[in-house]
Amino acid sequence: MAKEPVKTPMIPLKLSEYTRILRLTRKPTREEFITIAKVAGAGILIIGVMGFIIYFFLTEIPKMLK
């Protein structure tokens, strides 16, 4: 049974794609940055609250039922 040759990605091609994308990017304005920071903060806060609620239901409520 012959082994198939391993296909390696063409690294120079990937690097050129990455540099092309980086050339298209720009620094966000202050207003854009503040908006992104607010959205990210709200997401972190929501996930934290959900984690706390799950923790509460799995640890504290069984203690109350005893």
N, C-alpha and C. Protein backbone atom coordinates (compact mmCIF):
# COMPACT_ATOMS: atom_id res chain seq x y z
N MET A 1 0.85 -1.17 0.00
CA MET A 1 0.00 0.00 0.00
C MET A 1 0.89 1.24 0.00
N ALA A 2 0.78 2.05 -1.03
CA ALA A 2 1.64 3.22 -1.17
C ALA A 2 1.07 4.39 -0.38
N LYS A 3 1.96 5.11 0.25
CA LYS A 3 1.53 6.29 1.01
C LYS A 3 1.38 7.47 0.07
N GLU A 4 0.34 8.27 0.33
CA GLU A 4 0.16 9.47 -0.47
C GLU A 4 1.09 10.55 0.05
N PRO A 5 1.64 11.36 -0.83
CA PRO A 5 2.53 12.43 -0.36
C PRO A 5 1.72 13.45 0.46
N VAL A 6 2.35 13.95 1.50
CA VAL A 6 1.70 14.94 2.36
C VAL A 6 1.70 16.28 1.63
N LYS A 7 0.52 16.90 1.58
CA LYS A 7 0.42 18.20 0.92
C LYS A 7 0.77 19.28 1.93
N THR A 8 1.78 20.06 1.60
CA THR A 8 2.16 21.17 2.46
C THR A 8 1.58 22.46 1.88
N PRO A 9 1.11 23.34 2.74
CA PRO A 9 0.57 24.60 2.22
C PRO A 9 1.68 25.44 1.61
N MET A 10 1.31 26.19 0.63
CA MET A 10 2.29 27.05 -0.02
C MET A 10 2.46 28.29 0.85
N ILE A 11 3.50 28.27 1.66
CA ILE A 11 3.71 29.34 2.65
C ILE A 11 3.89 30.71 2.01
N PRO A 12 4.67 30.86 0.96
CA PRO A 12 4.79 32.20 0.36
C PRO A 12 3.44 32.74 -0.13
N LEU A 13 2.57 31.86 -0.62
CA LEU A 13 1.25 32.30 -1.07
C LEU A 13 0.43 32.78 0.11
N LYS A 14 0.47 32.05 1.23
CA LYS A 14 -0.27 32.45 2.42
C LYS A 14 0.23 33.79 2.94
N LEU A 15 1.55 33.96 2.98
CA LEU A 15 2.11 35.22 3.48
C LEU A 15 1.70 36.39 2.62
N SER A 16 1.64 36.20 1.32
CA SER A 16 1.24 37.30 0.45
C SER A 16 -0.23 37.65 0.66
N GLU A 17 -1.07 36.64 0.95
CA GLU A 17 -2.46 36.93 1.25
C GLU A 17 -2.59 37.72 2.54
N TYR A 18 -1.81 37.34 3.56
CA TYR A 18 -1.86 38.04 4.84
C TYR A 18 -1.37 39.48 4.70
N THR A 19 -0.30 39.68 3.96
CA THR A 19 0.20 41.05 3.80
C THR A 19 -0.78 41.90 3.00
N ARG A 20 -1.47 41.30 2.05
CA ARG A 20 -2.47 42.04 1.28
C ARG A 20 -3.60 42.51 2.20
N ILE A 21 -4.04 41.64 3.09
CA ILE A 21 -5.10 42.00 4.04
C ILE A 21 -4.61 43.10 4.98
N LEU A 22 -3.38 42.96 5.48
CA LEU A 22 -2.85 43.97 6.40
C LEU A 22 -2.70 45.33 5.74
N ARG A 23 -2.41 45.36 4.46
CA ARG A 23 -2.31 46.64 3.77
C ARG A 23 -3.67 47.32 3.64
N LEU A 24 -4.75 46.53 3.63
CA LEU A 24 -6.09 47.10 3.50
C LEU A 24 -6.61 47.65 4.83
N THR A 25 -6.02 47.24 5.93
CA THR A 25 -6.53 47.67 7.23
C THR A 25 -6.10 49.10 7.53
N ARG A 26 -6.83 49.71 8.46
CA ARG A 26 -6.50 51.06 8.88
C ARG A 26 -6.75 51.18 10.37
N LYS A 27 -6.20 52.20 10.97
CA LYS A 27 -6.39 52.44 12.39
C LYS A 27 -7.82 52.95 12.60
N PRO A 28 -8.56 52.38 13.58
CA PRO A 28 -9.93 52.85 13.80
C PRO A 28 -9.94 54.25 14.39
N THR A 29 -11.00 54.98 14.11
CA THR A 29 -11.16 56.29 14.72
C THR A 29 -11.47 56.10 16.19
N ARG A 30 -11.37 57.17 16.95
CA ARG A 30 -11.64 57.09 18.39
C ARG A 30 -13.07 56.63 18.64
N GLU A 31 -14.01 57.13 17.85
CA GLU A 31 -15.42 56.75 18.01
C GLU A 31 -15.63 55.27 17.72
N GLU A 32 -15.00 54.76 16.66
CA GLU A 32 -15.10 53.34 16.34
C GLU A 32 -14.51 52.48 17.46
N PHE A 33 -13.36 52.91 17.97
CA PHE A 33 -12.70 52.16 19.04
C PHE A 33 -13.57 52.10 20.29
N ILE A 34 -14.17 53.22 20.66
CA ILE A 34 -15.02 53.27 21.86
C ILE A 34 -16.23 52.37 21.67
N THR A 35 -16.83 52.38 20.48
CA THR A 35 -17.98 51.52 20.21
C THR A 35 -17.59 50.05 20.32
N ILE A 36 -16.48 49.68 19.74
CA ILE A 36 -16.01 48.29 19.79
C ILE A 36 -15.73 47.89 21.23
N ALA A 37 -15.11 48.79 22.00
CA ALA A 37 -14.81 48.49 23.40
C ALA A 37 -16.10 48.30 24.21
N LYS A 38 -17.12 49.12 23.95
CA LYS A 38 -18.40 48.97 24.65
C LYS A 38 -19.06 47.63 24.33
N VAL A 39 -19.06 47.26 23.07
CA VAL A 39 -19.68 46.00 22.66
C VAL A 39 -18.92 44.81 23.26
N ALA A 40 -17.60 44.86 23.22
CA ALA A 40 -16.81 43.78 23.81
C ALA A 40 -17.03 43.70 25.31
N GLY A 41 -17.07 44.84 25.98
CA GLY A 41 -17.32 44.86 27.43
C GLY A 41 -18.68 44.31 27.78
N ALA A 42 -19.70 44.69 26.99
CA ALA A 42 -21.04 44.18 27.23
C ALA A 42 -21.09 42.66 27.05
N GLY A 43 -20.39 42.16 26.03
CA GLY A 43 -20.34 40.71 25.81
C GLY A 43 -19.68 39.98 26.96
N ILE A 44 -18.58 40.52 27.45
CA ILE A 44 -17.89 39.91 28.60
C ILE A 44 -18.78 39.93 29.83
N LEU A 45 -19.48 41.04 30.05
CA LEU A 45 -20.38 41.16 31.19
C LEU A 45 -21.53 40.16 31.11
N ILE A 46 -22.10 40.00 29.93
CA ILE A 46 -23.22 39.06 29.76
C ILE A 46 -22.75 37.62 30.01
N ILE A 47 -21.60 37.26 29.47
CA ILE A 47 -21.08 35.91 29.68
C ILE A 47 -20.76 35.68 31.16
N GLY A 48 -20.23 36.69 31.83
CA GLY A 48 -19.95 36.58 33.26
C GLY A 48 -21.21 36.37 34.07
N VAL A 49 -22.26 37.12 33.76
CA VAL A 49 -23.53 36.98 34.47
C VAL A 49 -24.13 35.60 34.24
N MET A 50 -24.06 35.13 33.00
CA MET A 50 -24.56 33.79 32.71
C MET A 50 -23.78 32.73 33.49
N GLY A 51 -22.48 32.88 33.57
CA GLY A 51 -21.66 31.94 34.34
C GLY A 51 -22.01 31.97 35.82
N PHE A 52 -22.24 33.16 36.35
CA PHE A 52 -22.61 33.26 37.76
C PHE A 52 -23.96 32.61 38.03
N ILE A 53 -24.91 32.81 37.13
CA ILE A 53 -26.24 32.19 37.30
C ILE A 53 -26.12 30.67 37.28
N ILE A 54 -25.36 30.15 36.34
CA ILE A 54 -25.17 28.70 36.26
C ILE A 54 -24.49 28.19 37.53
N TYR A 55 -23.46 28.89 37.99
CA TYR A 55 -22.78 28.51 39.22
C TYR A 55 -23.76 28.51 40.39
N PHE A 56 -24.58 29.54 40.49
CA PHE A 56 -25.54 29.65 41.58
C PHE A 56 -26.51 28.47 41.57
N PHE A 57 -27.05 28.16 40.40
CA PHE A 57 -28.00 27.06 40.31
C PHE A 57 -27.36 25.71 40.63
N LEU A 58 -26.12 25.52 40.28
CA LEU A 58 -25.48 24.22 40.49
C LEU A 58 -24.87 24.06 41.87
N THR A 59 -24.63 25.14 42.61
CA THR A 59 -23.99 25.00 43.91
C THR A 59 -24.87 25.46 45.07
N GLU A 60 -25.48 26.58 44.98
CA GLU A 60 -26.20 27.15 46.11
C GLU A 60 -27.61 26.59 46.27
N ILE A 61 -28.30 26.38 45.19
CA ILE A 61 -29.68 25.87 45.29
C ILE A 61 -29.72 24.45 45.88
N PRO A 62 -28.83 23.53 45.49
CA PRO A 62 -28.85 22.22 46.17
C PRO A 62 -28.60 22.33 47.67
N LYS A 63 -27.79 23.28 48.12
CA LYS A 63 -27.56 23.48 49.55
C LYS A 63 -28.84 23.93 50.24
N MET A 64 -29.63 24.76 49.57
CA MET A 64 -30.88 25.26 50.15
C MET A 64 -31.93 24.15 50.28
N LEU A 65 -31.88 23.17 49.39
CA LEU A 65 -32.88 22.11 49.39
C LEU A 65 -32.62 21.05 50.44
N LYS A 66 -31.46 21.05 51.07
CA LYS A 66 -31.13 20.03 52.08
C LYS A 66 -31.78 20.32 53.39
